């Protein structure tokens, strides 16, 4: 969820007058922390990086503006043992390995994702039907499909790239966004929802006008 958090934070820097342009980067090298004997994780994750530039511009404060229109962020450490990196130099002398209880993550993910997206819709005064594109965290196709279905987002509006890159964590949203812009799906003026969930758990959504 780091990229979504960073986009929301960068937007606040610009709105607060602390910056005019913000470079937001999502980057992961999961190959360094995977346990290659754990087939429940090592075949799912990938390395990747993506970036986005935010820039101050004129607007009316309405839904027709370009840029970040609304954002909702959440965190709750009660499930920290479901998705985390163990160890670390201070305890094990290693960088640690990714640990995940996949079924437990799925059980919580869909509800958390849909709740934060609905909060973002409410903040912006829109519904799922108003969206042009949904660019979710590319964790797995089951979570993406279940979340979109629960929210009433049409399948043809969902950008899916997990089959190309695997789960690249903080890089997954900017990678998917880059693919959809490059192939011409996302165009200037489109209403795009970004969503992500990560260890801890942390999760969030950002609505942007491209």
Protein backbone atom coordinates (compact mmCIF):
# COMPACT_ATOMS: atom_id res chain seq x y z
CA UNK A 1 0.00 0.00 0.00
CA UNK A 2 3.06 2.26 0.10
CA UNK A 3 2.49 3.77 -3.33
CA UNK A 4 -1.12 4.74 -2.60
CA UNK A 5 -0.05 6.23 0.75
CA UNK A 6 2.72 8.17 -1.02
CA UNK A 7 0.38 9.56 -3.70
CA UNK A 8 -2.00 10.78 -1.00
CA UNK A 9 0.90 12.29 0.98
CA UNK A 10 2.39 13.97 -2.09
CA UNK A 11 -0.99 15.48 -2.91
CA UNK A 12 -1.17 16.98 0.59
CA UNK A 13 2.33 18.46 0.20
CA UNK A 14 1.18 20.24 -2.95
CA UNK A 15 -2.14 21.37 -1.48
CA UNK A 16 -0.31 22.70 1.58
CA UNK A 17 2.12 24.72 -0.51
CA UNK A 18 5.16 22.69 0.57
CA UNK A 19 5.89 21.46 -2.95
CA UNK A 20 4.95 22.22 -6.53
CA UNK A 21 6.02 18.90 -8.01
CA UNK A 22 6.31 15.53 -6.27
CA UNK A 23 7.91 12.38 -7.68
CA UNK A 24 6.22 9.29 -6.20
CA UNK A 25 8.08 5.99 -6.60
CA UNK A 26 6.93 2.46 -5.80
CA UNK A 27 9.78 -0.07 -5.89
CA UNK A 28 10.30 -3.62 -4.58
CA UNK A 29 13.01 -6.29 -4.74
CA UNK A 30 11.14 -9.25 -3.30
CA UNK A 31 13.77 -11.64 -4.62
CA UNK A 32 15.95 -10.55 -1.67
CA UNK A 33 13.45 -11.59 1.00
CA UNK A 34 11.67 -14.62 -0.45
CA UNK A 35 12.07 -18.02 1.15
CA UNK A 36 12.63 -20.10 -1.99
CA UNK A 37 11.60 -23.26 -0.14
CA UNK A 38 8.16 -21.77 0.63
CA UNK A 39 6.07 -22.42 -2.47
CA UNK A 40 3.12 -20.52 -0.98
CA UNK A 41 5.00 -17.24 -1.47
CA UNK A 42 8.05 -17.59 -3.74
CA UNK A 43 6.01 -18.26 -6.90
CA UNK A 44 3.69 -15.28 -6.36
CA UNK A 45 5.95 -12.26 -5.96
CA UNK A 46 8.13 -10.26 -8.33
CA UNK A 47 10.58 -7.36 -8.47
CA UNK A 48 9.50 -4.10 -10.05
CA UNK A 49 9.36 -0.32 -9.93
CA UNK A 50 7.08 2.44 -11.14
CA UNK A 51 6.80 6.20 -10.71
CA UNK A 52 4.30 9.02 -11.04
CA UNK A 53 4.77 12.81 -11.04
CA UNK A 54 2.24 15.02 -9.25
CA UNK A 55 2.17 18.71 -10.15
CA UNK A 56 0.23 21.70 -8.87
CA UNK A 57 -2.43 23.01 -11.22
CA UNK A 58 -5.53 25.17 -11.40
CA UNK A 59 -8.89 23.73 -10.46
CA UNK A 60 -12.30 24.47 -9.02
CA UNK A 61 -12.24 21.84 -6.29
CA UNK A 62 -14.85 19.80 -8.13
CA UNK A 63 -15.03 16.31 -9.63
CA UNK A 64 -14.05 17.64 -13.08
CA UNK A 65 -10.60 18.73 -11.85
CA UNK A 66 -7.50 16.81 -12.92
CA UNK A 67 -5.21 15.12 -10.39
CA UNK A 68 -6.04 13.65 -6.98
CA UNK A 69 -9.72 14.13 -6.15
CA UNK A 70 -10.13 12.04 -3.00
CA UNK A 71 -8.16 9.62 -0.83
CA UNK A 72 -8.83 7.30 2.10
CA UNK A 73 -6.12 5.52 4.10
CA UNK A 74 -6.42 2.86 6.80
CA UNK A 75 -4.14 0.80 9.07
CA UNK A 76 -4.69 -1.83 11.75
CA UNK A 77 -1.87 -3.82 13.36
CA UNK A 78 -4.12 -6.50 14.82
CA UNK A 79 -3.38 -8.75 11.82
CA UNK A 80 0.36 -8.07 11.67
CA UNK A 81 1.17 -11.79 11.87
CA UNK A 82 -0.76 -12.59 8.67
CA UNK A 83 1.61 -10.79 6.28
CA UNK A 84 5.06 -9.63 7.36
CA UNK A 85 8.83 -10.02 6.98
CA UNK A 86 10.35 -11.98 9.85
CA UNK A 87 13.69 -11.56 11.54
CA UNK A 88 16.06 -8.81 10.55
CA UNK A 89 19.75 -8.18 11.31
CA UNK A 90 19.13 -7.44 14.99
CA UNK A 91 17.46 -10.79 15.71
CA UNK A 92 18.51 -13.29 13.07
CA UNK A 93 21.49 -11.70 11.35
CA UNK A 94 19.66 -11.87 8.02
CA UNK A 95 17.36 -9.56 6.06
CA UNK A 96 14.45 -11.83 6.97
CA UNK A 97 11.89 -13.56 4.78
CA UNK A 98 8.37 -12.77 3.68
CA UNK A 99 5.72 -14.70 5.62
CA UNK A 100 2.09 -14.82 4.56
CA UNK A 101 -1.05 -16.71 5.52
CA UNK A 102 -2.72 -16.46 2.13
CA UNK A 103 -6.19 -17.68 3.10
CA UNK A 104 -6.34 -15.36 6.09
CA UNK A 105 -5.20 -12.40 4.00
CA UNK A 106 -7.90 -13.12 1.41
CA UNK A 107 -10.54 -13.44 4.13
CA UNK A 108 -9.86 -9.91 5.36
CA UNK A 109 -8.73 -8.24 2.13
CA UNK A 110 -11.98 -8.00 0.18
CA UNK A 111 -13.94 -6.41 3.03
CA UNK A 112 -11.18 -3.94 3.88
CA UNK A 113 -10.66 -2.96 0.24
CA UNK A 114 -14.33 -2.43 -0.51
CA UNK A 115 -14.87 -0.39 2.67
CA UNK A 116 -12.03 2.04 1.92
CA UNK A 117 -13.10 2.39 -1.71
CA UNK A 118 -16.69 3.12 -0.70
CA UNK A 119 -15.36 5.79 1.68
CA UNK A 120 -13.41 7.32 -1.21
CA UNK A 121 -16.49 7.26 -3.46
CA UNK A 122 -18.50 8.98 -0.72
CA UNK A 123 -15.81 11.63 -0.24
CA UNK A 124 -15.86 12.44 -3.97
CA UNK A 125 -19.63 12.14 -4.35
CA UNK A 126 -19.48 9.44 -7.03
CA UNK A 127 -20.51 5.81 -7.53
CA UNK A 128 -18.78 2.83 -9.12
CA UNK A 129 -20.66 3.51 -12.35
CA UNK A 130 -18.86 6.86 -12.71
CA UNK A 131 -15.43 5.21 -12.88
CA UNK A 132 -13.62 4.81 -16.16
CA UNK A 133 -10.89 2.55 -14.76
CA UNK A 134 -10.09 0.60 -11.60
CA UNK A 135 -6.36 0.00 -11.04
CA UNK A 136 -6.08 -2.28 -7.99
CA UNK A 137 -3.10 -3.71 -6.17
CA UNK A 138 -2.09 -6.79 -8.15
CA UNK A 139 -2.07 -9.28 -5.26
CA UNK A 140 -4.00 -12.01 -7.04
CA UNK A 141 -6.88 -12.31 -9.50
CA UNK A 142 -9.30 -13.72 -6.91
CA UNK A 143 -9.05 -10.67 -4.64
CA UNK A 144 -9.27 -8.30 -7.61
CA UNK A 145 -12.35 -10.04 -9.04
CA UNK A 146 -14.11 -10.38 -5.68
CA UNK A 147 -13.52 -6.72 -4.79
CA UNK A 148 -14.71 -5.44 -8.17
CA UNK A 149 -17.81 -7.64 -8.05
CA UNK A 150 -18.73 -6.52 -4.53
CA UNK A 151 -18.33 -2.86 -5.53
CA UNK A 152 -20.27 -3.27 -8.78
CA UNK A 153 -17.31 -2.31 -10.98
CA UNK A 154 -17.64 -3.81 -14.46
CA UNK A 155 -14.96 -6.35 -15.36
CA UNK A 156 -13.97 -4.44 -18.49
CA UNK A 157 -13.01 -1.44 -16.35
CA UNK A 158 -10.51 -3.39 -14.23
CA UNK A 159 -6.80 -3.25 -15.10
CA UNK A 160 -5.12 -6.61 -14.41
CA UNK A 161 -1.36 -7.16 -14.82
CA UNK A 162 -0.62 -9.72 -12.10
CA UNK A 163 -0.23 -12.32 -14.87
CA UNK A 164 2.62 -10.25 -16.33
CA UNK A 165 4.57 -9.16 -13.25
CA UNK A 166 3.34 -11.19 -10.30
CA UNK A 167 2.67 -9.37 -7.02
CA UNK A 168 5.23 -6.56 -6.91
CA UNK A 169 3.74 -4.98 -3.77
CA UNK A 170 4.38 -1.20 -3.75
CA UNK A 171 5.28 -1.33 -7.45
CA UNK A 172 2.12 -3.13 -8.56
CA UNK A 173 -0.19 -0.11 -8.87
CA UNK A 174 2.23 2.16 -10.79
CA UNK A 175 3.21 -0.76 -13.04
CA UNK A 176 -0.44 -1.53 -13.84
CA UNK A 177 -1.13 2.17 -14.34
CA UNK A 178 1.84 2.48 -16.70
CA UNK A 179 0.70 -0.51 -18.76
CA UNK A 180 -2.85 0.82 -19.11
CA UNK A 181 -1.65 4.30 -20.11
CA UNK A 182 0.91 2.92 -22.57
CA UNK A 183 -1.59 0.65 -24.34
CA UNK A 184 -4.11 3.47 -24.67
CA UNK A 185 -6.76 2.28 -22.26
CA UNK A 186 -6.38 5.14 -19.78
CA UNK A 187 -6.74 8.51 -21.52
CA UNK A 188 -6.66 12.14 -20.44
CA UNK A 189 -9.82 13.02 -18.55
CA UNK A 190 -10.55 9.47 -17.38
CA UNK A 191 -11.67 8.92 -13.79
CA UNK A 192 -9.31 6.33 -12.29
CA UNK A 193 -9.38 4.59 -8.91
CA UNK A 194 -6.12 3.33 -7.41
CA UNK A 195 -6.27 0.84 -4.55
CA UNK A 196 -3.75 -1.15 -2.51
CA UNK A 197 -3.39 -3.28 0.59
CA UNK A 198 -0.20 -4.32 2.37
CA UNK A 199 1.32 -5.92 5.43
CA UNK A 200 0.25 -4.87 8.86
CA UNK A 201 -2.47 -4.47 7.55
CA UNK A 202 -2.39 -1.12 5.77
CA UNK A 203 -4.74 -0.26 2.92
CA UNK A 204 -6.04 2.72 1.00
CA UNK A 205 -7.59 4.15 -2.15
CA UNK A 206 -7.00 7.26 -4.23
CA UNK A 207 -9.33 8.68 -6.89
CA UNK A 208 -7.66 10.63 -9.69
CA UNK A 209 -8.74 12.43 -12.84
CA UNK A 210 -6.06 11.53 -15.40
